[in-house]
C-alpha atoms as a PDB file:
ATOM      1  CA  MET A   1     -77.459  57.439  83.077  1.00  0.00           C
ATOM      2  CA  SER A   2     -77.744  61.140  82.413  1.00  0.00           C
ATOM      3  CA  ALA A   3     -79.421  63.718  84.570  1.00  0.00           C
ATOM      4  CA  ILE A   4     -83.030  63.168  85.549  1.00  0.00           C
ATOM      5  CA  PRO A   5     -85.078  63.469  82.358  1.00  0.00           C
ATOM      6  CA  ASP A   6     -87.173  66.566  81.862  1.00  0.00           C
ATOM      7  CA  PRO A   7     -90.866  65.564  81.788  1.00  0.00           C
ATOM      8  CA  GLN A   8     -91.584  68.023  78.961  1.00  0.00           C
ATOM      9  CA  ALA A   9     -88.802  66.543  76.835  1.00  0.00           C
ATOM     10  CA  LEU A  10     -90.148  63.036  77.440  1.00  0.00           C
ATOM     11  CA  LYS A  11     -93.621  64.213  76.471  1.00  0.00           C
ATOM     12  CA  ASP A  12     -92.169  65.723  73.284  1.00  0.00           C
ATOM     13  CA  PHE A  13     -90.451  62.439  72.363  1.00  0.00           C
ATOM     14  CA  ARG A  14     -93.659  60.518  72.929  1.00  0.00           C
ATOM     15  CA  ARG A  15     -95.267  62.449  70.055  1.00  0.00           C
ATOM     16  CA  ILE A  16     -93.186  60.199  67.797  1.00  0.00           C
ATOM     17  CA  PRO A  17     -95.138  57.112  66.716  1.00  0.00           C
ATOM     18  CA  GLY A  18     -93.632  54.016  68.315  1.00  0.00           C
ATOM     19  CA  VAL A  19     -91.893  55.912  71.112  1.00  0.00           C
ATOM     20  CA  GLY A  20     -93.162  55.032  74.559  1.00  0.00           C
ATOM     21  CA  LYS A  21     -91.973  55.921  78.051  1.00  0.00           C
ATOM     22  CA  LYS A  22     -88.844  53.759  78.055  1.00  0.00           C
ATOM     23  CA  THR A  23     -87.710  54.776  74.581  1.00  0.00           C
ATOM     24  CA  ALA A  24     -88.244  58.442  75.441  1.00  0.00           C
ATOM     25  CA  VAL A  25     -85.924  58.011  78.437  1.00  0.00           C
ATOM     26  CA  VAL A  26     -83.330  56.303  76.245  1.00  0.00           C
ATOM     27  CA  LEU A  27     -83.446  59.208  73.783  1.00  0.00           C
ATOM     28  CA  TRP A  28     -82.831  61.540  76.747  1.00  0.00           C
ATOM     29  CA  ASP A  29     -79.969  59.329  77.951  1.00  0.00           C
ATOM     30  CA  LEU A  30     -78.461  59.520  74.458  1.00  0.00           C
ATOM     31  CA  GLY A  31     -78.234  63.287  74.903  1.00  0.00           C
ATOM     32  CA  LEU A  32     -81.266  64.332  72.885  1.00  0.00           C
ATOM     33  CA  ARG A  33     -83.514  66.962  74.425  1.00  0.00           C
ATOM     34  CA  SER A  34     -86.316  67.350  71.877  1.00  0.00           C
ATOM     35  CA  VAL A  35     -87.747  65.831  68.725  1.00  0.00           C
ATOM     36  CA  SER A  36     -85.937  68.499  66.716  1.00  0.00           C
ATOM     37  CA  ASP A  37     -82.608  67.140  68.032  1.00  0.00           C
ATOM     38  CA  LEU A  38     -83.255  64.057  65.869  1.00  0.00           C
ATOM     39  CA  ARG A  39     -82.988  66.071  62.637  1.00  0.00           C
ATOM     40  CA  GLY A  40     -79.916  65.078  60.685  1.00  0.00           C
ATOM     41  CA  ARG A  41     -79.087  62.206  63.040  1.00  0.00           C
ATOM     42  CA  ASP A  42     -78.053  58.809  61.749  1.00  0.00           C
ATOM     43  CA  PRO A  43     -80.389  56.071  63.066  1.00  0.00           C
ATOM     44  CA  GLU A  44     -77.571  53.489  62.869  1.00  0.00           C
ATOM     45  CA  THR A  45     -75.407  55.690  65.113  1.00  0.00           C
ATOM     46  CA  LEU A  46     -78.266  56.149  67.592  1.00  0.00           C
ATOM     47  CA  TYR A  47     -78.810  52.385  67.665  1.00  0.00           C
ATOM     48  CA  ALA A  48     -75.094  51.708  68.251  1.00  0.00           C
ATOM     49  CA  ALA A  49     -75.032  54.307  71.032  1.00  0.00           C
ATOM     50  CA  MET A  50     -78.060  52.659  72.622  1.00  0.00           C
ATOM     51  CA  GLU A  51     -76.270  49.300  72.603  1.00  0.00           C
ATOM     52  CA  THR A  52     -73.240  50.915  74.223  1.00  0.00           C
ATOM     53  CA  LEU A  53     -75.458  52.535  76.836  1.00  0.00           C
ATOM     54  CA  ALA A  54     -77.236  49.235  77.510  1.00  0.00           C
ATOM     55  CA  GLY A  55     -73.982  47.279  77.579  1.00  0.00           C
ATOM     56  CA  CYS A  56     -75.498  44.511  75.488  1.00  0.00           C
ATOM     57  CA  HIS A  57     -77.191  43.703  72.199  1.00  0.00           C
ATOM     58  CA  VAL A  58     -80.498  45.540  71.722  1.00  0.00           C
ATOM     59  CA  ASP A  59     -83.295  44.161  69.548  1.00  0.00           C
ATOM     60  CA  ARG A  60     -82.922  45.447  65.990  1.00  0.00           C
ATOM     61  CA  CYS A  61     -86.503  46.722  66.126  1.00  0.00           C
ATOM     62  CA  MET A  62     -85.097  49.732  67.968  1.00  0.00           C
ATOM     63  CA  LEU A  63     -83.146  50.642  64.857  1.00  0.00           C
ATOM     64  CA  TYR A  64     -86.440  50.703  62.964  1.00  0.00           C
ATOM     65  CA  VAL A  65     -87.944  52.946  65.654  1.00  0.00           C
ATOM     66  CA  TYR A  66     -84.978  55.330  65.295  1.00  0.00           C
ATOM     67  CA  ARG A  67     -85.367  55.391  61.505  1.00  0.00           C
ATOM     68  CA  CYS A  68     -89.023  56.287  61.952  1.00  0.00           C
ATOM     69  CA  ALA A  69     -88.189  58.889  64.616  1.00  0.00           C
ATOM     70  CA  VAL A  70     -85.656  60.686  62.409  1.00  0.00           C
ATOM     71  CA  TYR A  71     -88.151  60.645  59.526  1.00  0.00           C
ATOM     72  CA  PHE A  72     -90.818  62.101  61.848  1.00  0.00           C
ATOM     73  CA  ALA A  73     -88.463  64.853  63.025  1.00  0.00           C
ATOM     74  CA  GLU A  74     -87.352  65.791  59.502  1.00  0.00           C
ATOM     75  CA  THR A  75     -90.675  65.632  57.650  1.00  0.00           C
ATOM     76  CA  VAL A  76     -93.277  68.402  57.736  1.00  0.00           C
ATOM     77  CA  ASP A  77     -96.140  66.326  56.340  1.00  0.00           C
ATOM     78  CA  PRO A  78     -95.176  62.689  56.956  1.00  0.00           C
ATOM     79  CA  ASP A  79     -96.742  59.776  55.114  1.00  0.00           C
ATOM     80  CA  PRO A  80     -98.852  57.844  57.686  1.00  0.00           C
ATOM     81  CA  GLU A  81     -97.482  54.514  56.412  1.00  0.00           C
ATOM     82  CA  ARG A  82     -93.929  55.680  57.069  1.00  0.00           C
ATOM     83  CA  LEU A  83     -94.891  56.512  60.659  1.00  0.00           C
ATOM     84  CA  LYS A  84     -95.201  52.802  61.439  1.00  0.00           C
ATOM     85  CA  TRP A  85     -91.808  51.669  62.725  1.00  0.00           C
ATOM     86  CA  TRP A  86     -92.181  48.180  61.256  1.00  0.00           C
ATOM     87  CA  ASN A  87     -92.214  49.725  57.781  1.00  0.00           C
ATOM     88  CA  TRP A  88     -88.549  50.714  58.351  1.00  0.00           C
ATOM     89  CA  LYS A  89     -87.202  47.142  58.394  1.00  0.00           C
ATOM     90  CA  ASP A  90     -84.133  46.342  56.293  1.00  0.00           C
END
């Protein structure tokens, strides 16, 4: 695990629909420090890094959460339907 997560960074991540306490900590552990750090990131790469960090297979739903999170970070006026992680399924 990385350094102790910054509470403000975790609060920032939790602004993303579908991101709760545990996912916010994982984003921190992946080296991200703010929502803006998600801009330009590849959700597939984040998902693979999460599996490496976990040391096991992680439910594919997390990939959908990462797709939604990157969209949220990159979009000024996001479509509410695209802010539902389940709408990012394959």
